[in-house]
Amino acid sequence: MTSFKDRVFVITGATGSIGHPVTTALLAQGARVVGGYLTQTERATELLSHAGPERLSMVQADVRAPD
C-alpha cells in the first residue's frame, strides 16, 4: 500500500459530500491537505479543528468555471 505520510494533496470541495470523506481519509493516513471550500464555513472550521493547521490548510475560493 502506498504511504501518504507527509504528501500534500489539494482537494477542491473539501467540505462537500465527496470531498469531505476524501479529505478525512487522507488526513487519517498522514497526508497534508490543502482544502478548498466555497460556502460551508462551519464544516471547514470543524475539519480544521480536528486536523490542526499543521496538517490542513483551508482556503475559501470559487473555483467554478467563469460565466
PDB file of N, CA and C in Angstrom:
ATOM      1  N   MET A   1       0.838  -1.182   0.000  1.00  0.00           N
ATOM      2  CA  MET A   1       0.000   0.000   0.000  1.00  0.00           C
ATOM      3  C   MET A   1       0.885   1.249   0.000  1.00  0.00           C
ATOM      4  N   THR A   2       0.480   2.243  -0.760  1.00  0.00           N
ATOM      5  CA  THR A   2       1.219   3.490  -0.854  1.00  0.00           C
ATOM      6  C   THR A   2       1.059   4.307   0.421  1.00  0.00           C
ATOM      7  N   SER A   3       2.163   4.859   0.882  1.00  0.00           N
ATOM      8  CA  SER A   3       2.109   5.713   2.069  1.00  0.00           C
ATOM      9  C   SER A   3       1.831   7.150   1.652  1.00  0.00           C
ATOM     10  N   PHE A   4       0.878   7.786   2.318  1.00  0.00           N
ATOM     11  CA  PHE A   4       0.550   9.182   2.055  1.00  0.00           C
ATOM     12  C   PHE A   4       1.155  10.104   3.106  1.00  0.00           C
ATOM     13  N   LYS A   5       1.975   9.555   4.001  1.00  0.00           N
ATOM     14  CA  LYS A   5       2.545  10.353   5.078  1.00  0.00           C
ATOM     15  C   LYS A   5       3.334  11.524   4.511  1.00  0.00           C
ATOM     16  N   ASP A   6       2.945  12.712   4.950  1.00  0.00           N
ATOM     17  CA  ASP A   6       3.583  13.977   4.585  1.00  0.00           C
ATOM     18  C   ASP A   6       3.500  14.340   3.105  1.00  0.00           C
ATOM     19  N   ARG A   7       2.724  13.622   2.327  1.00  0.00           N
ATOM     20  CA  ARG A   7       2.463  14.047   0.946  1.00  0.00           C
ATOM     21  C   ARG A   7       1.377  15.112   0.996  1.00  0.00           C
ATOM     22  N   VAL A   8       1.397  16.010   0.035  1.00  0.00           N
ATOM     23  CA  VAL A   8       0.443  17.120   0.015  1.00  0.00           C
ATOM     24  C   VAL A   8      -0.589  16.892  -1.088  1.00  0.00           C
ATOM     25  N   PHE A   9      -1.857  17.033  -0.727  1.00  0.00           N
ATOM     26  CA  PHE A   9      -2.966  16.887  -1.658  1.00  0.00           C
ATOM     27  C   PHE A   9      -3.786  18.163  -1.655  1.00  0.00           C
ATOM     28  N   VAL A  10      -4.277  18.563  -2.821  1.00  0.00           N
ATOM     29  CA  VAL A  10      -5.184  19.691  -2.940  1.00  0.00           C
ATOM     30  C   VAL A  10      -6.556  19.114  -3.269  1.00  0.00           C
ATOM     31  N   ILE A  11      -7.529  19.388  -2.403  1.00  0.00           N
ATOM     32  CA  ILE A  11      -8.879  18.870  -2.584  1.00  0.00           C
ATOM     33  C   ILE A  11      -9.834  20.048  -2.740  1.00  0.00           C
ATOM     34  N   THR A  12     -10.363  20.230  -3.942  1.00  0.00           N
ATOM     35  CA  THR A  12     -11.392  21.250  -4.116  1.00  0.00           C
ATOM     36  C   THR A  12     -12.701  20.651  -3.607  1.00  0.00           C
ATOM     37  N   GLY A  13     -13.526  21.452  -3.022  1.00  0.00           N
ATOM     38  CA  GLY A  13     -14.772  20.934  -2.461  1.00  0.00           C
ATOM     39  C   GLY A  13     -14.536  20.048  -1.252  1.00  0.00           C
ATOM     40  N   ALA A  14     -13.563  20.399  -0.432  1.00  0.00           N
ATOM     41  CA  ALA A  14     -13.178  19.567   0.716  1.00  0.00           C
ATOM     42  C   ALA A  14     -14.265  19.446   1.777  1.00  0.00           C
ATOM     43  N   THR A  15     -15.279  20.293   1.719  1.00  0.00           N
ATOM     44  CA  THR A  15     -16.373  20.218   2.692  1.00  0.00           C
ATOM     45  C   THR A  15     -17.608  19.544   2.100  1.00  0.00           C
ATOM     46  N   GLY A  16     -17.543  19.150   0.855  1.00  0.00           N
ATOM     47  CA  GLY A  16     -18.706  18.577   0.176  1.00  0.00           C
ATOM     48  C   GLY A  16     -18.905  17.099   0.449  1.00  0.00           C
ATOM     49  N   SER A  17     -19.920  16.542  -0.182  1.00  0.00           N
ATOM     50  CA  SER A  17     -20.308  15.154   0.083  1.00  0.00           C
ATOM     51  C   SER A  17     -19.265  14.142  -0.374  1.00  0.00           C
ATOM     52  N   ILE A  18     -18.459  14.467  -1.352  1.00  0.00           N
ATOM     53  CA  ILE A  18     -17.370  13.583  -1.778  1.00  0.00           C
ATOM     54  C   ILE A  18     -16.043  14.048  -1.175  1.00  0.00           C
ATOM     55  N   GLY A  19     -15.785  15.342  -1.237  1.00  0.00           N
ATOM     56  CA  GLY A  19     -14.512  15.880  -0.766  1.00  0.00           C
ATOM     57  C   GLY A  19     -14.256  15.703   0.714  1.00  0.00           C
ATOM     58  N   HIS A  20     -15.315  15.796   1.528  1.00  0.00           N
ATOM     59  CA  HIS A  20     -15.142  15.665   2.987  1.00  0.00           C
ATOM     60  C   HIS A  20     -14.604  14.292   3.377  1.00  0.00           C
ATOM     61  N   PRO A  21     -15.222  13.189   2.922  1.00  0.00           N
ATOM     62  CA  PRO A  21     -14.659  11.885   3.297  1.00  0.00           C
ATOM     63  C   PRO A  21     -13.281  11.627   2.686  1.00  0.00           C
ATOM     64  N   VAL A  22     -13.025  12.166   1.494  1.00  0.00           N
ATOM     65  CA  VAL A  22     -11.699  12.016   0.891  1.00  0.00           C
ATOM     66  C   VAL A  22     -10.662  12.750   1.743  1.00  0.00           C
ATOM     67  N   THR A  23     -10.973  13.975   2.125  1.00  0.00           N
ATOM     68  CA  THR A  23     -10.072  14.769   2.963  1.00  0.00           C
ATOM     69  C   THR A  23      -9.820  14.072   4.288  1.00  0.00           C
ATOM     70  N   THR A  24     -10.871  13.594   4.922  1.00  0.00           N
ATOM     71  CA  THR A  24     -10.752  12.897   6.204  1.00  0.00           C
ATOM     72  C   THR A  24      -9.894  11.645   6.072  1.00  0.00           C
ATOM     73  N   ALA A  25     -10.088  10.878   5.016  1.00  0.00           N
ATOM     74  CA  ALA A  25      -9.314   9.649   4.810  1.00  0.00           C
ATOM     75  C   ALA A  25      -7.839   9.958   4.579  1.00  0.00           C
ATOM     76  N   LEU A  26      -7.547  10.969   3.775  1.00  0.00           N
ATOM     77  CA  LEU A  26      -6.149  11.339   3.528  1.00  0.00           C
ATOM     78  C   LEU A  26      -5.467  11.796   4.808  1.00  0.00           C
ATOM     79  N   LEU A  27      -6.163  12.616   5.590  1.00  0.00           N
ATOM     80  CA  LEU A  27      -5.595  13.072   6.866  1.00  0.00           C
ATOM     81  C   LEU A  27      -5.332  11.894   7.798  1.00  0.00           C
ATOM     82  N   ALA A  28      -6.248  10.934   7.820  1.00  0.00           N
ATOM     83  CA  ALA A  28      -6.091   9.753   8.681  1.00  0.00           C
ATOM     84  C   ALA A  28      -4.875   8.925   8.274  1.00  0.00           C
ATOM     85  N   GLN A  29      -4.474   9.030   6.998  1.00  0.00           N
ATOM     86  CA  GLN A  29      -3.322   8.276   6.504  1.00  0.00           C
ATOM     87  C   GLN A  29      -2.033   9.092   6.553  1.00  0.00           C
ATOM     88  N   GLY A  30      -2.076  10.255   7.218  1.00  0.00           N
ATOM     89  CA  GLY A  30      -0.867  11.031   7.441  1.00  0.00           C
ATOM     90  C   GLY A  30      -0.563  12.084   6.397  1.00  0.00           C
ATOM     91  N   ALA A  31      -1.476  12.270   5.444  1.00  0.00           N
ATOM     92  CA  ALA A  31      -1.246  13.271   4.400  1.00  0.00           C
ATOM     93  C   ALA A  31      -1.440  14.681   4.950  1.00  0.00           C
ATOM     94  N   ARG A  32      -0.906  15.633   4.225  1.00  0.00           N
ATOM     95  CA  ARG A  32      -1.187  17.051   4.458  1.00  0.00           C
ATOM     96  C   ARG A  32      -2.147  17.463   3.359  1.00  0.00           C
ATOM     97  N   VAL A  33      -3.118  18.282   3.704  1.00  0.00           N
ATOM     98  CA  VAL A  33      -4.163  18.629   2.740  1.00  0.00           C
ATOM     99  C   VAL A  33      -4.370  20.135   2.684  1.00  0.00           C
ATOM    100  N   VAL A  34      -4.496  20.637   1.459  1.00  0.00           N
ATOM    101  CA  VAL A  34      -4.982  21.991   1.224  1.00  0.00           C
ATOM    102  C   VAL A  34      -6.400  21.791   0.711  1.00  0.00           C
ATOM    103  N   GLY A  35      -7.368  22.229   1.495  1.00  0.00           N
ATOM    104  CA  GLY A  35      -8.763  22.012   1.154  1.00  0.00           C
ATOM    105  C   GLY A  35      -9.445  23.297   0.735  1.00  0.00           C
ATOM    106  N   GLY A  36     -10.178  23.217  -0.349  1.00  0.00           N
ATOM    107  CA  GLY A  36     -10.935  24.358  -0.812  1.00  0.00           C
ATOM    108  C   GLY A  36     -12.407  24.199  -0.495  1.00  0.00           C
ATOM    109  N   TYR A  37     -13.061  25.322  -0.227  1.00  0.00           N
ATOM    110  CA  TYR A  37     -14.499  25.312   0.017  1.00  0.00           C
ATOM    111  C   TYR A  37     -15.061  26.646  -0.429  1.00  0.00           C
ATOM    112  N   LEU A  38     -16.372  26.691  -0.646  1.00  0.00           N
ATOM    113  CA  LEU A  38     -16.985  27.938  -1.083  1.00  0.00           C
ATOM    114  C   LEU A  38     -17.886  28.521  -0.007  1.00  0.00           C
ATOM    115  N   THR A  39     -18.838  27.731   0.500  1.00  0.00           N
ATOM    116  CA  THR A  39     -19.826  28.290   1.427  1.00  0.00           C
ATOM    117  C   THR A  39     -19.921  27.584   2.770  1.00  0.00           C
ATOM    118  N   GLN A  40     -19.403  26.398   2.892  1.00  0.00           N
ATOM    119  CA  GLN A  40     -19.589  25.618   4.122  1.00  0.00           C
ATOM    120  C   GLN A  40     -18.506  25.935   5.154  1.00  0.00           C
ATOM    121  N   THR A  41     -18.537  27.162   5.647  1.00  0.00           N
ATOM    122  CA  THR A  41     -17.526  27.637   6.588  1.00  0.00           C
ATOM    123  C   THR A  41     -17.513  26.821   7.874  1.00  0.00           C
ATOM    124  N   GLU A  42     -18.680  26.478   8.382  1.00  0.00           N
ATOM    125  CA  GLU A  42     -18.758  25.709   9.627  1.00  0.00           C
ATOM    126  C   GLU A  42     -18.097  24.343   9.470  1.00  0.00           C
ATOM    127  N   ARG A  43     -18.336  23.689   8.353  1.00  0.00           N
ATOM    128  CA  ARG A  43     -17.740  22.373   8.119  1.00  0.00           C
ATOM    129  C   ARG A  43     -16.226  22.488   7.914  1.00  0.00           C
ATOM    130  N   ALA A  44     -15.786  23.565   7.276  1.00  0.00           N
ATOM    131  CA  ALA A  44     -14.351  23.797   7.093  1.00  0.00           C
ATOM    132  C   ALA A  44     -13.679  24.007   8.445  1.00  0.00           C
ATOM    133  N   THR A  45     -14.311  24.772   9.306  1.00  0.00           N
ATOM    134  CA  THR A  45     -13.783  25.025  10.649  1.00  0.00           C
ATOM    135  C   THR A  45     -13.721  23.732  11.450  1.00  0.00           C
ATOM    136  N   GLU A  46     -14.727  22.892  11.311  1.00  0.00           N
ATOM    137  CA  GLU A  46     -14.759  21.596  12.003  1.00  0.00           C
ATOM    138  C   GLU A  46     -13.600  20.713  11.547  1.00  0.00           C
ATOM    139  N   LEU A  47     -13.387  20.629  10.239  1.00  0.00           N
ATOM    140  CA  LEU A  47     -12.263  19.838   9.717  1.00  0.00           C
ATOM    141  C   LEU A  47     -10.938  20.350  10.261  1.00  0.00           C
ATOM    142  N   LEU A  48     -10.777  21.656  10.228  1.00  0.00           N
ATOM    143  CA  LEU A  48      -9.535  22.276  10.686  1.00  0.00           C
ATOM    144  C   LEU A  48      -9.304  22.043  12.178  1.00  0.00           C
ATOM    145  N   SER A  49     -10.359  22.087  12.961  1.00  0.00           N
ATOM    146  CA  SER A  49     -10.201  21.877  14.403  1.00  0.00           C
ATOM    147  C   SER A  49      -9.790  20.439  14.725  1.00  0.00           C
ATOM    148  N   HIS A  50     -10.213  19.494  13.901  1.00  0.00           N
ATOM    149  CA  HIS A  50      -9.838  18.087  14.129  1.00  0.00           C
ATOM    150  C   HIS A  50      -8.425  17.788  13.628  1.00  0.00           C
ATOM    151  N   ALA A  51      -8.053  18.383  12.499  1.00  0.00           N
ATOM    152  CA  ALA A  51      -6.760  18.060  11.897  1.00  0.00           C
ATOM    153  C   ALA A  51      -5.634  18.942  12.411  1.00  0.00           C
ATOM    154  N   GLY A  52      -5.934  20.205  12.659  1.00  0.00           N
ATOM    155  CA  GLY A  52      -4.914  21.154  13.076  1.00  0.00           C
ATOM    156  C   GLY A  52      -4.255  21.814  11.880  1.00  0.00           C
ATOM    157  N   PRO A  53      -3.754  23.025  12.076  1.00  0.00           N
ATOM    158  CA  PRO A  53      -3.185  23.792  10.969  1.00  0.00           C
ATOM    159  C   PRO A  53      -1.881  23.222  10.405  1.00  0.00           C
ATOM    160  N   GLU A  54      -1.228  22.355  11.133  1.00  0.00           N
ATOM    161  CA  GLU A  54      -0.001  21.752  10.613  1.00  0.00           C
ATOM    162  C   GLU A  54      -0.290  20.643   9.597  1.00  0.00           C
ATOM    163  N   ARG A  55      -1.519  20.140   9.577  1.00  0.00           N
ATOM    164  CA  ARG A  55      -1.898  19.060   8.645  1.00  0.00           C
ATOM    165  C   ARG A  55      -2.870  19.531   7.573  1.00  0.00           C
ATOM    166  N   LEU A  56      -3.605  20.610   7.851  1.00  0.00           N
ATOM    167  CA  LEU A  56      -4.674  21.027   6.950  1.00  0.00           C
ATOM    168  C   LEU A  56      -4.710  22.543   6.828  1.00  0.00           C
ATOM    169  N   SER A  57      -4.767  23.003   5.599  1.00  0.00           N
ATOM    170  CA  SER A  57      -5.000  24.422   5.310  1.00  0.00           C
ATOM    171  C   SER A  57      -6.300  24.506   4.527  1.00  0.00           C
ATOM    172  N   MET A  58      -7.203  25.363   4.959  1.00  0.00           N
ATOM    173  CA  MET A  58      -8.479  25.544   4.275  1.00  0.00           C
ATOM    174  C   MET A  58      -8.486  26.896   3.581  1.00  0.00           C
ATOM    175  N   VAL A  59      -8.951  26.924   2.329  1.00  0.00           N
ATOM    176  CA  VAL A  59      -8.971  28.130   1.521  1.00  0.00           C
ATOM    177  C   VAL A  59     -10.390  28.314   0.979  1.00  0.00           C
ATOM    178  N   GLN A  60     -10.999  29.460   1.298  1.00  0.00           N
ATOM    179  CA  GLN A  60     -12.316  29.764   0.741  1.00  0.00           C
ATOM    180  C   GLN A  60     -12.124  30.393  -0.630  1.00  0.00           C
ATOM    181  N   ALA A  61     -12.621  29.724  -1.657  1.00  0.00           N
ATOM    182  CA  ALA A  61     -12.431  30.208  -3.023  1.00  0.00           C
ATOM    183  C   ALA A  61     -13.502  29.628  -3.939  1.00  0.00           C
ATOM    184  N   ASP A  62     -13.809  30.376  -4.981  1.00  0.00           N
ATOM    185  CA  ASP A  62     -14.743  29.920  -6.009  1.00  0.00           C
ATOM    186  C   ASP A  62     -13.908  29.422  -7.187  1.00  0.00           C
ATOM    187  N   VAL A  63     -13.847  28.116  -7.372  1.00  0.00           N
ATOM    188  CA  VAL A  63     -13.035  27.541  -8.454  1.00  0.00           C
ATOM    189  C   VAL A  63     -13.891  27.038  -9.614  1.00  0.00           C
ATOM    190  N   ARG A  64     -15.150  27.424  -9.615  1.00  0.00           N
ATOM    191  CA  ARG A  64     -16.020  27.064 -10.740  1.00  0.00           C
ATOM    192  C   ARG A  64     -15.570  27.785 -11.997  1.00  0.00           C
ATOM    193  N   ALA A  65     -15.984  27.266 -13.125  1.00  0.00           N
ATOM    194  CA  ALA A  65     -15.652  27.897 -14.400  1.00  0.00           C
ATOM    195  C   ALA A  65     -16.312  29.272 -14.468  1.00  0.00           C
ATOM    196  N   PRO A  66     -15.610  30.258 -15.015  1.00  0.00           N
ATOM    197  CA  PRO A  66     -16.218  31.588 -15.126  1.00  0.00           C
ATOM    198  C   PRO A  66     -17.402  31.561 -16.093  1.00  0.00           C
ATOM    199  N   ASP A  67     -18.340  32.452 -15.872  1.00  0.00           N
ATOM    200  CA  ASP A  67     -19.530  32.511 -16.735  1.00  0.00           C
ATOM    201  C   ASP A  67     -19.186  33.006 -18.116  1.00  0.00           C
TER     202      ASP A  67
END
